[in-house]
Amino acid sequence: MATERRFQSLKEFFPYYLQEHSARGCRVLHYIGSTLVLAVIGLSVYLQNYWLLFLMPVAGYGFAWVGHFFIEKNKPA
């Protein structure tokens, strides 16, 4: 069973974060996912169709997980 790391500060966490996101492709996929989440929010408000908000996890986490599993070959936190 894997042990979960606990960080006491951002200063302690940030080097680990950078290590887990060292591949450019992974960072690009995170950027795309985050941008799509913002686009879904904007489109949802513009269209007044709040059911679209259910797409946010798919857009955000989907791209991030692809980056971690297939590019970084690590497990997303």
N, C-alpha and C. Protein backbone atom coordinates (compact mmCIF):
# COMPACT_ATOMS: atom_id res chain seq x y z
N MET A 1 0.85 -1.18 0.00
CA MET A 1 0.00 0.00 0.00
C MET A 1 0.89 1.24 0.00
N ALA A 2 0.59 2.18 -0.89
CA ALA A 2 1.43 3.38 -1.03
C ALA A 2 1.19 4.34 0.13
N THR A 3 2.26 5.00 0.52
CA THR A 3 2.17 5.99 1.58
C THR A 3 1.92 7.35 0.95
N GLU A 4 0.94 8.07 1.46
CA GLU A 4 0.62 9.39 0.95
C GLU A 4 1.55 10.42 1.56
N ARG A 5 2.14 11.26 0.71
CA ARG A 5 3.04 12.31 1.20
C ARG A 5 2.23 13.47 1.74
N ARG A 6 2.66 14.01 2.85
CA ARG A 6 2.03 15.20 3.44
C ARG A 6 3.05 16.32 3.42
N PHE A 7 2.61 17.46 2.97
CA PHE A 7 3.49 18.63 2.90
C PHE A 7 3.02 19.66 3.91
N GLN A 8 3.97 20.32 4.52
CA GLN A 8 3.66 21.30 5.55
C GLN A 8 3.59 22.72 5.03
N SER A 9 4.13 22.94 3.82
CA SER A 9 4.14 24.29 3.27
C SER A 9 4.23 24.24 1.75
N LEU A 10 3.92 25.34 1.13
CA LEU A 10 4.06 25.46 -0.31
C LEU A 10 5.53 25.33 -0.71
N LYS A 11 6.41 25.87 0.09
CA LYS A 11 7.85 25.79 -0.18
C LYS A 11 8.31 24.33 -0.22
N GLU A 12 7.75 23.51 0.62
CA GLU A 12 8.09 22.09 0.65
C GLU A 12 7.42 21.34 -0.51
N PHE A 13 6.22 21.74 -0.88
CA PHE A 13 5.44 21.06 -1.91
C PHE A 13 5.89 21.40 -3.33
N PHE A 14 6.29 22.63 -3.58
CA PHE A 14 6.51 23.10 -4.94
C PHE A 14 7.58 22.31 -5.70
N PRO A 15 8.73 21.96 -5.12
CA PRO A 15 9.68 21.13 -5.87
C PRO A 15 9.09 19.77 -6.30
N TYR A 16 8.28 19.18 -5.44
CA TYR A 16 7.61 17.92 -5.77
C TYR A 16 6.64 18.14 -6.94
N TYR A 17 5.88 19.22 -6.89
CA TYR A 17 4.94 19.55 -7.95
C TYR A 17 5.66 19.70 -9.28
N LEU A 18 6.77 20.43 -9.29
CA LEU A 18 7.53 20.63 -10.52
C LEU A 18 8.07 19.31 -11.06
N GLN A 19 8.50 18.44 -10.18
CA GLN A 19 9.01 17.13 -10.58
C GLN A 19 7.90 16.30 -11.24
N GLU A 20 6.70 16.36 -10.70
CA GLU A 20 5.57 15.58 -11.23
C GLU A 20 5.02 16.14 -12.54
N HIS A 21 5.43 17.36 -12.88
CA HIS A 21 4.97 18.02 -14.11
C HIS A 21 6.16 18.48 -14.94
N SER A 22 7.18 17.64 -15.04
CA SER A 22 8.41 18.05 -15.72
C SER A 22 8.31 17.96 -17.24
N ALA A 23 7.45 17.10 -17.78
CA ALA A 23 7.32 16.96 -19.22
C ALA A 23 6.45 18.07 -19.79
N ARG A 24 6.95 18.69 -20.85
CA ARG A 24 6.23 19.80 -21.48
C ARG A 24 4.83 19.37 -21.92
N GLY A 25 4.71 18.17 -22.49
CA GLY A 25 3.41 17.69 -22.96
C GLY A 25 2.38 17.61 -21.85
N CYS A 26 2.81 17.20 -20.68
CA CYS A 26 1.90 17.11 -19.54
C CYS A 26 1.42 18.51 -19.14
N ARG A 27 2.33 19.45 -19.10
CA ARG A 27 1.95 20.83 -18.76
C ARG A 27 1.01 21.42 -19.80
N VAL A 28 1.24 21.12 -21.08
CA VAL A 28 0.36 21.60 -22.15
C VAL A 28 -1.04 21.03 -21.97
N LEU A 29 -1.13 19.74 -21.67
CA LEU A 29 -2.45 19.13 -21.46
C LEU A 29 -3.16 19.72 -20.25
N HIS A 30 -2.43 20.04 -19.18
CA HIS A 30 -3.02 20.71 -18.03
C HIS A 30 -3.56 22.08 -18.44
N TYR A 31 -2.79 22.80 -19.23
CA TYR A 31 -3.21 24.12 -19.69
C TYR A 31 -4.48 24.02 -20.54
N ILE A 32 -4.51 23.05 -21.45
CA ILE A 32 -5.69 22.87 -22.30
C ILE A 32 -6.91 22.53 -21.44
N GLY A 33 -6.75 21.61 -20.51
CA GLY A 33 -7.87 21.23 -19.64
C GLY A 33 -8.38 22.40 -18.81
N SER A 34 -7.45 23.17 -18.24
CA SER A 34 -7.85 24.33 -17.43
C SER A 34 -8.56 25.38 -18.28
N THR A 35 -8.06 25.59 -19.49
CA THR A 35 -8.68 26.56 -20.40
C THR A 35 -10.08 26.10 -20.79
N LEU A 36 -10.23 24.80 -21.04
CA LEU A 36 -11.55 24.27 -21.38
C LEU A 36 -12.54 24.41 -20.22
N VAL A 37 -12.07 24.22 -19.01
CA VAL A 37 -12.94 24.41 -17.85
C VAL A 37 -13.47 25.84 -17.81
N LEU A 38 -12.58 26.80 -18.02
CA LEU A 38 -13.01 28.21 -18.04
C LEU A 38 -13.98 28.46 -19.21
N ALA A 39 -13.71 27.85 -20.35
CA ALA A 39 -14.60 28.00 -21.51
C ALA A 39 -15.98 27.41 -21.23
N VAL A 40 -16.01 26.26 -20.57
CA VAL A 40 -17.29 25.63 -20.23
C VAL A 40 -18.08 26.52 -19.27
N ILE A 41 -17.40 27.10 -18.31
CA ILE A 41 -18.08 28.02 -17.38
C ILE A 41 -18.66 29.20 -18.15
N GLY A 42 -17.83 29.81 -19.00
CA GLY A 42 -18.30 30.96 -19.78
C GLY A 42 -19.46 30.60 -20.70
N LEU A 43 -19.36 29.47 -21.39
CA LEU A 43 -20.42 29.04 -22.29
C LEU A 43 -21.70 28.72 -21.52
N SER A 44 -21.55 28.10 -20.38
CA SER A 44 -22.70 27.76 -19.55
C SER A 44 -23.45 29.01 -19.10
N VAL A 45 -22.70 30.02 -18.68
CA VAL A 45 -23.33 31.27 -18.26
C VAL A 45 -23.95 31.98 -19.46
N TYR A 46 -23.22 32.04 -20.57
CA TYR A 46 -23.71 32.72 -21.77
C TYR A 46 -25.00 32.08 -22.28
N LEU A 47 -25.03 30.76 -22.34
CA LEU A 47 -26.21 30.05 -22.83
C LEU A 47 -27.27 29.84 -21.75
N GLN A 48 -26.93 30.16 -20.52
CA GLN A 48 -27.79 29.92 -19.37
C GLN A 48 -28.21 28.45 -19.31
N ASN A 49 -27.25 27.59 -19.64
CA ASN A 49 -27.46 26.15 -19.60
C ASN A 49 -26.47 25.59 -18.59
N TYR A 50 -26.90 25.51 -17.35
CA TYR A 50 -26.00 25.15 -16.27
C TYR A 50 -25.72 23.66 -16.20
N TRP A 51 -26.42 22.88 -17.01
CA TRP A 51 -26.11 21.45 -17.11
C TRP A 51 -24.73 21.24 -17.74
N LEU A 52 -24.27 22.20 -18.52
CA LEU A 52 -22.95 22.10 -19.13
C LEU A 52 -21.84 22.05 -18.08
N LEU A 53 -22.13 22.54 -16.89
CA LEU A 53 -21.11 22.54 -15.83
C LEU A 53 -20.67 21.13 -15.46
N PHE A 54 -21.50 20.15 -15.78
CA PHE A 54 -21.11 18.76 -15.51
C PHE A 54 -19.95 18.31 -16.41
N LEU A 55 -19.65 19.07 -17.44
CA LEU A 55 -18.52 18.76 -18.31
C LEU A 55 -17.18 19.21 -17.73
N MET A 56 -17.22 20.06 -16.72
CA MET A 56 -15.98 20.61 -16.16
C MET A 56 -15.01 19.52 -15.69
N PRO A 57 -15.44 18.53 -14.91
CA PRO A 57 -14.48 17.51 -14.48
C PRO A 57 -13.90 16.71 -15.66
N VAL A 58 -14.72 16.45 -16.66
CA VAL A 58 -14.24 15.71 -17.83
C VAL A 58 -13.16 16.50 -18.54
N ALA A 59 -13.41 17.78 -18.75
CA ALA A 59 -12.44 18.63 -19.45
C ALA A 59 -11.18 18.81 -18.61
N GLY A 60 -11.33 19.16 -17.37
CA GLY A 60 -10.18 19.43 -16.53
C GLY A 60 -9.37 18.21 -16.17
N TYR A 61 -10.02 17.22 -15.58
CA TYR A 61 -9.31 16.02 -15.14
C TYR A 61 -8.91 15.12 -16.31
N GLY A 62 -9.74 15.07 -17.34
CA GLY A 62 -9.45 14.20 -18.48
C GLY A 62 -8.09 14.51 -19.10
N PHE A 63 -7.85 15.76 -19.42
CA PHE A 63 -6.58 16.14 -20.01
C PHE A 63 -5.42 15.95 -19.04
N ALA A 64 -5.64 16.29 -17.78
CA ALA A 64 -4.58 16.14 -16.78
C ALA A 64 -4.20 14.67 -16.61
N TRP A 65 -5.18 13.80 -16.54
CA TRP A 65 -4.90 12.38 -16.34
C TRP A 65 -4.17 11.78 -17.54
N VAL A 66 -4.56 12.18 -18.74
CA VAL A 66 -3.84 11.70 -19.93
C VAL A 66 -2.38 12.12 -19.84
N GLY A 67 -2.14 13.36 -19.43
CA GLY A 67 -0.78 13.85 -19.28
C GLY A 67 0.02 13.06 -18.26
N HIS A 68 -0.60 12.74 -17.16
CA HIS A 68 0.11 12.00 -16.11
C HIS A 68 0.32 10.53 -16.48
N PHE A 69 -0.72 9.87 -16.94
CA PHE A 69 -0.62 8.44 -17.21
C PHE A 69 0.24 8.11 -18.43
N PHE A 70 0.10 8.90 -19.51
CA PHE A 70 0.76 8.54 -20.77
C PHE A 70 2.03 9.33 -21.07
N ILE A 71 2.18 10.50 -20.50
CA ILE A 71 3.38 11.30 -20.77
C ILE A 71 4.35 11.24 -19.59
N GLU A 72 3.88 11.63 -18.41
CA GLU A 72 4.74 11.61 -17.22
C GLU A 72 4.94 10.20 -16.69
N LYS A 73 3.95 9.33 -16.96
CA LYS A 73 3.96 7.96 -16.43
C LYS A 73 4.00 7.96 -14.89
N ASN A 74 3.21 8.85 -14.31
CA ASN A 74 3.06 8.88 -12.86
C ASN A 74 1.57 8.99 -12.53
N LYS A 75 1.28 8.91 -11.27
CA LYS A 75 -0.12 8.94 -10.80
C LYS A 75 -0.47 10.36 -10.40
N PRO A 76 -1.57 10.91 -10.93
CA PRO A 76 -1.95 12.25 -10.52
C PRO A 76 -2.31 12.31 -9.03
N ALA A 77 -1.95 13.40 -8.40
CA ALA A 77 -2.27 13.58 -6.99
C ALA A 77 -3.74 13.85 -6.87
